[in-house]
Amino acid sequence: SYFLRYQGAKRNPLRVCLIFRSITSFSDNNFDLPDRTFHSLTTTWNLASRDSPTDVKELIPEFFCLPEIFENFERFDFGVRQNGERVEDVQLPPWCLRDSRLFVLIHRQALEAELTRNHLHNWIDLIFGYKQSGESAVEAINVFHPA
């Protein structure tokens, strides 16, 4: 549903001022709890890819074109996590030298690469096409274990 997709997207970079009001409107005009705030790409990747089978995330388009979403230019107070760490800029992986512009550039290059162009239709079939459900979904391992 729209709401679930929006909730998933809003959990990611909250730094874009254009969506600031809509993000806080879900939480009584406050930011989410610091431990649930998008603060680290490595942590987010690990949760979505191996540590939590129920943590499903999508990369929003801004990951490929807007490095500012990873930086807290306005110095919003996102709070302090339970481990005592203050939530500031999103912690980027070492392979991009922790540089948001380099991160976006590399993501954009990967998105526009020939390998991606040659296989993107397979992802579209999984997410929007005939491999969403039924036997085709089972064969493509595109099913969730029932809760």
N, C-alpha and C. Protein backbone atom coordinates (compact mmCIF):
# COMPACT_ATOMS: atom_id res chain seq x y z
N SER A 1 0.83 -1.18 0.00
CA SER A 1 0.00 0.00 0.00
C SER A 1 0.88 1.24 0.00
N TYR A 2 0.27 2.37 -0.33
CA TYR A 2 1.02 3.63 -0.36
C TYR A 2 1.62 3.91 1.00
N PHE A 3 0.83 3.73 2.06
CA PHE A 3 1.31 4.06 3.40
C PHE A 3 2.53 3.22 3.76
N LEU A 4 2.50 1.92 3.48
CA LEU A 4 3.63 1.07 3.82
C LEU A 4 4.87 1.45 3.03
N ARG A 5 4.71 1.75 1.75
CA ARG A 5 5.87 2.18 0.97
C ARG A 5 6.41 3.51 1.50
N TYR A 6 5.49 4.42 1.86
CA TYR A 6 5.92 5.71 2.36
C TYR A 6 6.65 5.54 3.69
N GLN A 7 6.11 4.67 4.56
CA GLN A 7 6.77 4.43 5.84
C GLN A 7 8.18 3.89 5.60
N GLY A 8 8.34 2.96 4.66
CA GLY A 8 9.66 2.42 4.36
C GLY A 8 10.61 3.47 3.84
N ALA A 9 10.11 4.33 2.98
CA ALA A 9 10.96 5.38 2.42
C ALA A 9 11.30 6.43 3.46
N LYS A 10 10.35 6.76 4.33
CA LYS A 10 10.62 7.82 5.30
C LYS A 10 11.62 7.37 6.35
N ARG A 11 11.78 6.07 6.56
CA ARG A 11 12.74 5.58 7.52
C ARG A 11 14.15 5.83 7.03
N ASN A 12 14.31 6.00 5.76
CA ASN A 12 15.61 6.28 5.19
C ASN A 12 15.95 7.74 5.38
N PRO A 13 16.67 8.36 4.47
CA PRO A 13 17.20 9.70 4.71
C PRO A 13 16.14 10.73 5.04
N LEU A 14 16.18 11.24 6.26
CA LEU A 14 15.22 12.26 6.64
C LEU A 14 15.75 13.64 6.42
N ARG A 15 16.83 13.77 5.74
CA ARG A 15 17.49 15.06 5.65
C ARG A 15 16.96 15.97 4.56
N VAL A 16 16.08 15.52 3.72
CA VAL A 16 15.57 16.34 2.64
C VAL A 16 14.47 17.24 3.19
N CYS A 17 14.72 18.52 3.16
CA CYS A 17 13.78 19.48 3.78
C CYS A 17 12.39 19.43 3.16
N LEU A 18 12.30 19.08 1.89
CA LEU A 18 11.00 19.06 1.23
C LEU A 18 10.03 18.07 1.87
N ILE A 19 10.54 17.02 2.48
CA ILE A 19 9.64 16.04 3.08
C ILE A 19 9.67 16.11 4.61
N PHE A 20 10.31 17.12 5.14
CA PHE A 20 10.45 17.27 6.58
C PHE A 20 9.10 17.23 7.30
N ARG A 21 8.15 18.02 6.85
CA ARG A 21 6.84 18.07 7.51
C ARG A 21 6.11 16.73 7.45
N SER A 22 6.19 16.08 6.30
CA SER A 22 5.47 14.81 6.18
C SER A 22 6.11 13.72 7.03
N ILE A 23 7.41 13.80 7.25
CA ILE A 23 8.07 12.81 8.10
C ILE A 23 7.63 12.98 9.54
N THR A 24 7.65 14.20 10.01
CA THR A 24 7.31 14.43 11.42
C THR A 24 5.81 14.32 11.67
N SER A 25 4.99 14.46 10.64
CA SER A 25 3.54 14.38 10.85
C SER A 25 3.11 13.00 11.32
N PHE A 26 3.89 11.96 11.01
CA PHE A 26 3.57 10.60 11.46
C PHE A 26 3.93 10.40 12.93
N SER A 27 4.73 11.30 13.51
CA SER A 27 5.24 11.11 14.87
C SER A 27 4.94 12.31 15.76
N ASP A 28 3.75 12.86 15.66
CA ASP A 28 3.36 14.01 16.49
C ASP A 28 4.36 15.16 16.39
N ASN A 29 4.80 15.45 15.17
CA ASN A 29 5.74 16.54 14.89
C ASN A 29 7.10 16.36 15.57
N ASN A 30 7.50 15.12 15.79
CA ASN A 30 8.82 14.81 16.33
C ASN A 30 9.50 13.82 15.40
N PHE A 31 10.82 13.72 15.53
CA PHE A 31 11.55 12.70 14.80
C PHE A 31 11.29 11.35 15.46
N ASP A 32 11.56 10.29 14.72
CA ASP A 32 11.43 8.95 15.27
C ASP A 32 12.50 8.74 16.35
N LEU A 33 12.41 7.65 17.08
CA LEU A 33 13.41 7.35 18.09
C LEU A 33 14.79 7.25 17.44
N PRO A 34 15.84 7.76 18.10
CA PRO A 34 17.18 7.76 17.50
C PRO A 34 17.65 6.38 17.04
N ASP A 35 17.31 5.33 17.79
CA ASP A 35 17.76 3.99 17.40
C ASP A 35 17.05 3.47 16.16
N ARG A 36 15.92 4.07 15.78
CA ARG A 36 15.21 3.66 14.57
C ARG A 36 15.46 4.62 13.41
N THR A 37 16.22 5.66 13.66
CA THR A 37 16.51 6.65 12.62
C THR A 37 17.61 6.13 11.71
N PHE A 38 17.49 6.40 10.43
CA PHE A 38 18.50 6.00 9.45
C PHE A 38 19.80 6.73 9.79
N HIS A 39 20.80 5.98 10.25
CA HIS A 39 22.05 6.60 10.69
C HIS A 39 23.29 5.97 10.08
N SER A 40 23.17 4.76 9.54
CA SER A 40 24.33 4.05 9.03
C SER A 40 23.93 3.15 7.87
N LEU A 41 24.63 3.31 6.75
CA LEU A 41 24.34 2.44 5.61
C LEU A 41 24.74 1.01 5.89
N THR A 42 25.84 0.80 6.59
CA THR A 42 26.28 -0.56 6.90
C THR A 42 25.26 -1.27 7.77
N THR A 43 24.79 -0.60 8.81
CA THR A 43 23.77 -1.19 9.69
C THR A 43 22.50 -1.49 8.92
N THR A 44 22.06 -0.54 8.11
CA THR A 44 20.83 -0.72 7.33
C THR A 44 20.98 -1.89 6.36
N TRP A 45 22.11 -1.97 5.67
CA TRP A 45 22.37 -3.07 4.73
C TRP A 45 22.37 -4.41 5.46
N ASN A 46 23.07 -4.49 6.58
CA ASN A 46 23.13 -5.75 7.32
C ASN A 46 21.76 -6.20 7.80
N LEU A 47 20.96 -5.27 8.29
CA LEU A 47 19.61 -5.63 8.74
C LEU A 47 18.76 -6.13 7.58
N ALA A 48 18.79 -5.43 6.46
CA ALA A 48 17.94 -5.78 5.33
C ALA A 48 18.42 -7.02 4.58
N SER A 49 19.73 -7.28 4.59
CA SER A 49 20.24 -8.37 3.76
C SER A 49 20.50 -9.68 4.51
N ARG A 50 20.70 -9.61 5.85
CA ARG A 50 21.02 -10.87 6.53
C ARG A 50 20.53 -10.97 7.96
N ASP A 51 20.50 -9.87 8.70
CA ASP A 51 20.24 -9.96 10.13
C ASP A 51 18.76 -10.02 10.51
N SER A 52 17.90 -9.50 9.68
CA SER A 52 16.47 -9.46 10.02
C SER A 52 15.63 -9.84 8.80
N PRO A 53 15.04 -11.03 8.82
CA PRO A 53 14.25 -11.46 7.66
C PRO A 53 12.99 -10.63 7.45
N THR A 54 12.59 -9.83 8.44
CA THR A 54 11.39 -9.01 8.29
C THR A 54 11.71 -7.56 7.94
N ASP A 55 12.98 -7.21 7.85
CA ASP A 55 13.37 -5.83 7.56
C ASP A 55 13.55 -5.68 6.05
N VAL A 56 12.53 -5.18 5.39
CA VAL A 56 12.54 -5.05 3.94
C VAL A 56 12.65 -3.57 3.58
N LYS A 57 13.63 -3.23 2.79
CA LYS A 57 13.83 -1.84 2.41
C LYS A 57 14.04 -1.74 0.90
N GLU A 58 13.76 -0.57 0.37
CA GLU A 58 14.02 -0.26 -1.03
C GLU A 58 14.93 0.96 -1.09
N LEU A 59 15.80 1.00 -2.08
CA LEU A 59 16.59 2.21 -2.29
C LEU A 59 15.69 3.23 -2.97
N ILE A 60 15.59 4.38 -2.35
CA ILE A 60 14.79 5.45 -2.94
C ILE A 60 15.63 6.14 -4.02
N PRO A 61 15.01 6.81 -4.98
CA PRO A 61 15.76 7.42 -6.09
C PRO A 61 16.86 8.37 -5.64
N GLU A 62 16.69 9.02 -4.50
CA GLU A 62 17.69 9.98 -4.03
C GLU A 62 19.05 9.34 -3.76
N PHE A 63 19.11 8.04 -3.54
CA PHE A 63 20.39 7.35 -3.36
C PHE A 63 21.25 7.46 -4.61
N PHE A 64 20.64 7.77 -5.74
CA PHE A 64 21.34 7.81 -7.01
C PHE A 64 21.55 9.22 -7.54
N CYS A 65 21.05 10.23 -6.83
CA CYS A 65 21.15 11.58 -7.39
C CYS A 65 21.27 12.70 -6.37
N LEU A 66 21.14 12.44 -5.07
CA LEU A 66 21.09 13.53 -4.10
C LEU A 66 21.97 13.23 -2.88
N PRO A 67 23.24 13.57 -2.96
CA PRO A 67 24.14 13.27 -1.83
C PRO A 67 23.76 13.98 -0.54
N GLU A 68 23.02 15.06 -0.65
CA GLU A 68 22.65 15.83 0.54
C GLU A 68 21.78 15.04 1.53
N ILE A 69 21.12 13.98 1.07
CA ILE A 69 20.27 13.22 1.99
C ILE A 69 21.07 12.52 3.07
N PHE A 70 22.36 12.39 2.88
CA PHE A 70 23.21 11.70 3.86
C PHE A 70 23.86 12.66 4.85
N GLU A 71 23.66 13.95 4.66
CA GLU A 71 24.33 14.95 5.49
C GLU A 71 23.31 15.80 6.23
N ASN A 72 23.59 16.08 7.47
CA ASN A 72 22.70 16.86 8.32
C ASN A 72 23.15 18.32 8.31
N PHE A 73 22.99 18.98 7.16
CA PHE A 73 23.43 20.37 7.01
C PHE A 73 22.72 21.31 7.97
N GLU A 74 21.46 21.03 8.25
CA GLU A 74 20.66 21.91 9.12
C GLU A 74 20.92 21.67 10.60
N ARG A 75 21.73 20.65 10.90
CA ARG A 75 22.06 20.30 12.28
C ARG A 75 20.81 20.03 13.13
N PHE A 76 19.88 19.28 12.51
CA PHE A 76 18.71 18.83 13.26
C PHE A 76 19.19 17.93 14.40
N ASP A 77 18.48 17.99 15.50
CA ASP A 77 18.81 17.13 16.64
C ASP A 77 18.00 15.85 16.51
N PHE A 78 18.65 14.80 15.97
CA PHE A 78 18.00 13.51 15.81
C PHE A 78 18.09 12.67 17.08
N GLY A 79 18.79 13.17 18.08
CA GLY A 79 18.87 12.49 19.37
C GLY A 79 20.10 11.63 19.52
N VAL A 80 20.11 10.89 20.63
CA VAL A 80 21.24 10.03 20.99
C VAL A 80 20.73 8.59 21.06
N ARG A 81 21.46 7.69 20.42
CA ARG A 81 21.09 6.28 20.42
C ARG A 81 21.38 5.66 21.79
N GLN A 82 20.86 4.48 22.04
CA GLN A 82 21.05 3.83 23.34
C GLN A 82 22.51 3.57 23.66
N ASN A 83 23.34 3.43 22.62
CA ASN A 83 24.77 3.20 22.86
C ASN A 83 25.53 4.50 23.14
N GLY A 84 24.81 5.62 23.23
CA GLY A 84 25.43 6.90 23.54
C GLY A 84 25.87 7.69 22.32
N GLU A 85 25.72 7.12 21.14
CA GLU A 85 26.15 7.77 19.90
C GLU A 85 25.09 8.76 19.43
N ARG A 86 25.51 9.98 19.16
CA ARG A 86 24.60 11.01 18.64
C ARG A 86 24.36 10.74 17.15
N VAL A 87 23.10 10.86 16.72
CA VAL A 87 22.76 10.68 15.31
C VAL A 87 22.99 12.01 14.60
N GLU A 88 23.93 12.00 13.67
CA GLU A 88 24.26 13.20 12.88
C GLU A 88 24.14 12.84 11.40
N ASP A 89 25.26 12.97 10.66
CA ASP A 89 25.27 12.56 9.26
C ASP A 89 25.14 11.04 9.19
N VAL A 90 24.62 10.54 8.07
CA VAL A 90 24.56 9.09 7.87
C VAL A 90 25.99 8.58 7.72
N GLN A 91 26.30 7.51 8.43
CA GLN A 91 27.63 6.91 8.33
C GLN A 91 27.71 6.12 7.03
N LEU A 92 28.62 6.53 6.17
CA LEU A 92 28.77 5.90 4.86
C LEU A 92 29.87 4.85 4.91
N PRO A 93 29.85 3.88 4.00
CA PRO A 93 30.84 2.81 4.02
C PRO A 93 32.23 3.30 3.60
N PRO A 94 33.27 2.59 4.04
CA PRO A 94 34.64 3.01 3.72
C PRO A 94 34.95 3.00 2.23
N TRP A 95 34.27 2.14 1.43
CA TRP A 95 34.60 2.06 0.01
C TRP A 95 34.34 3.36 -0.75
N CYS A 96 33.55 4.26 -0.18
CA CYS A 96 33.32 5.56 -0.84
C CYS A 96 34.06 6.67 -0.09
N LEU A 97 35.02 6.26 0.75
CA LEU A 97 35.81 7.21 1.54
C LEU A 97 34.92 8.08 2.42
N ARG A 98 33.73 7.54 2.76
CA ARG A 98 32.74 8.23 3.60
C ARG A 98 32.34 9.59 3.01
N ASP A 99 32.40 9.67 1.69
CA ASP A 99 32.06 10.90 0.96
C ASP A 99 30.71 10.70 0.27
N SER A 100 29.72 11.52 0.62
CA SER A 100 28.37 11.33 0.08
C SER A 100 28.32 11.52 -1.44
N ARG A 101 29.11 12.43 -1.97
CA ARG A 101 29.10 12.64 -3.42
C ARG A 101 29.69 11.45 -4.16
N LEU A 102 30.76 10.91 -3.62
CA LEU A 102 31.36 9.73 -4.23
C LEU A 102 30.41 8.53 -4.12
N PHE A 103 29.74 8.40 -2.99
CA PHE A 103 28.76 7.33 -2.81
C PHE A 103 27.68 7.39 -3.89
N VAL A 104 27.10 8.58 -4.08
CA VAL A 104 26.04 8.74 -5.09
C VAL A 104 26.59 8.51 -6.49
N LEU A 105 27.78 9.01 -6.77
CA LEU A 105 28.39 8.81 -8.09
C LEU A 105 28.56 7.32 -8.39
N ILE A 106 29.08 6.56 -7.43
CA ILE A 106 29.28 5.12 -7.64
C ILE A 106 27.94 4.41 -7.81
N HIS A 107 26.95 4.79 -7.03
CA HIS A 107 25.61 4.20 -7.19
C HIS A 107 25.04 4.51 -8.57
N ARG A 108 25.22 5.73 -9.01
CA ARG A 108 24.71 6.14 -10.32
C ARG A 108 25.41 5.37 -11.43
N GLN A 109 26.72 5.21 -11.30
CA GLN A 109 27.47 4.44 -12.31
C GLN A 109 27.01 2.99 -12.34
N ALA A 110 26.75 2.41 -11.17
CA ALA A 110 26.26 1.03 -11.12
C ALA A 110 24.87 0.92 -11.76
N LEU A 111 24.02 1.89 -11.49
CA LEU A 111 22.67 1.88 -12.06
C LEU A 111 22.70 2.00 -13.58
N GLU A 112 23.64 2.77 -14.09
CA GLU A 112 23.72 3.00 -15.53
C GLU A 112 24.64 2.02 -16.25
N ALA A 113 25.22 1.08 -15.55
CA ALA A 113 26.15 0.13 -16.14
C ALA A 113 25.43 -0.84 -17.09
N GLU A 114 26.17 -1.37 -18.02
CA GLU A 114 25.61 -2.30 -19.00
C GLU A 114 25.02 -3.55 -18.32
N LEU A 115 25.71 -4.08 -17.32
CA LEU A 115 25.21 -5.25 -16.60
C LEU A 115 23.83 -4.97 -16.01
N THR A 116 23.67 -3.80 -15.41
CA THR A 116 22.37 -3.43 -14.84
C THR A 116 21.32 -3.31 -15.93
N ARG A 117 21.67 -2.62 -17.00
CA ARG A 117 20.71 -2.46 -18.11
C ARG A 117 20.27 -3.82 -18.66
N ASN A 118 21.20 -4.76 -18.71
CA ASN A 118 20.88 -6.08 -19.27
C ASN A 118 20.03 -6.95 -18.34
N HIS A 119 19.98 -6.62 -17.05
CA HIS A 119 19.27 -7.47 -16.10
C HIS A 119 18.18 -6.77 -15.31
N LEU A 120 18.00 -5.48 -15.51
CA LEU A 120 17.00 -4.73 -14.75
C LEU A 120 15.59 -5.28 -14.95
N HIS A 121 15.31 -5.80 -16.13
CA HIS A 121 13.98 -6.34 -16.39
C HIS A 121 13.65 -7.51 -15.46
N ASN A 122 14.67 -8.25 -15.02
CA ASN A 122 14.42 -9.36 -14.08
C ASN A 122 13.91 -8.83 -12.74
N TRP A 123 14.48 -7.73 -12.28
CA TRP A 123 14.02 -7.12 -11.03
C TRP A 123 12.60 -6.59 -11.20
N ILE A 124 12.33 -5.97 -12.35
CA ILE A 124 10.98 -5.44 -12.61
C ILE A 124 9.96 -6.58 -12.58
N ASP A 125 10.31 -7.73 -13.14
CA ASP A 125 9.40 -8.89 -13.08
C ASP A 125 9.14 -9.33 -11.64
N LEU A 126 10.17 -9.28 -10.79
CA LEU A 126 10.00 -9.68 -9.39
C LEU A 126 9.12 -8.71 -8.62
N ILE A 127 9.33 -7.43 -8.83
CA ILE A 127 8.65 -6.42 -8.03
C ILE A 127 7.29 -6.03 -8.59
N PHE A 128 7.20 -5.89 -9.90
CA PHE A 128 5.96 -5.40 -10.51
C PHE A 128 5.30 -6.40 -11.46
N GLY A 129 6.02 -7.43 -11.85
CA GLY A 129 5.54 -8.30 -12.91
C GLY A 129 5.03 -9.65 -12.46
N TYR A 130 5.14 -10.60 -13.36
CA TYR A 130 4.52 -11.90 -13.17
C TYR A 130 5.19 -12.75 -12.08
N LYS A 131 6.37 -12.36 -11.60
CA LYS A 131 7.04 -13.12 -10.54
C LYS A 131 6.69 -12.60 -9.14
N GLN A 132 5.64 -11.79 -9.05
CA GLN A 132 5.20 -11.29 -7.74
C GLN A 132 4.49 -12.36 -6.93
N SER A 133 3.80 -13.27 -7.62
CA SER A 133 2.98 -14.24 -6.90
C SER A 133 2.87 -15.53 -7.70
N GLY A 134 2.30 -16.52 -7.04
CA GLY A 134 2.07 -17.80 -7.71
C GLY A 134 3.32 -18.63 -7.87
N GLU A 135 3.24 -19.60 -8.75
CA GLU A 135 4.35 -20.52 -8.98
C GLU A 135 5.60 -19.80 -9.48
N SER A 136 5.42 -18.77 -10.30
CA SER A 136 6.58 -18.01 -10.79
C SER A 136 7.33 -17.35 -9.64
N ALA A 137 6.62 -16.86 -8.65
CA ALA A 137 7.26 -16.25 -7.47
C ALA A 137 8.02 -17.30 -6.67
N VAL A 138 7.42 -18.48 -6.51
CA VAL A 138 8.09 -19.56 -5.78
C VAL A 138 9.37 -19.96 -6.49
N GLU A 139 9.30 -20.15 -7.80
CA GLU A 139 10.48 -20.53 -8.58
C GLU A 139 11.58 -19.47 -8.51
N ALA A 140 11.19 -18.21 -8.41
CA ALA A 140 12.16 -17.11 -8.35
C ALA A 140 12.60 -16.81 -6.91
N ILE A 141 12.14 -17.62 -5.95
CA ILE A 141 12.41 -17.41 -4.53
C ILE A 141 12.02 -15.99 -4.13
N ASN A 142 10.85 -15.59 -4.57
CA ASN A 142 10.32 -14.25 -4.30
C ASN A 142 9.08 -14.35 -3.41
N VAL A 143 9.21 -15.12 -2.34
CA VAL A 143 8.09 -15.31 -1.42
C VAL A 143 8.59 -15.11 0.01
N PHE A 144 7.69 -14.70 0.88
CA PHE A 144 8.01 -14.53 2.28
C PHE A 144 7.49 -15.72 3.06
N HIS A 145 8.22 -16.08 4.08
CA HIS A 145 7.75 -17.12 4.99
C HIS A 145 6.59 -16.54 5.79
N PRO A 146 5.48 -17.24 5.87
CA PRO A 146 4.34 -16.69 6.62
C PRO A 146 4.69 -16.52 8.09
N ALA A 147 4.19 -15.44 8.66
CA ALA A 147 4.50 -15.14 10.07
C ALA A 147 3.70 -16.01 11.00
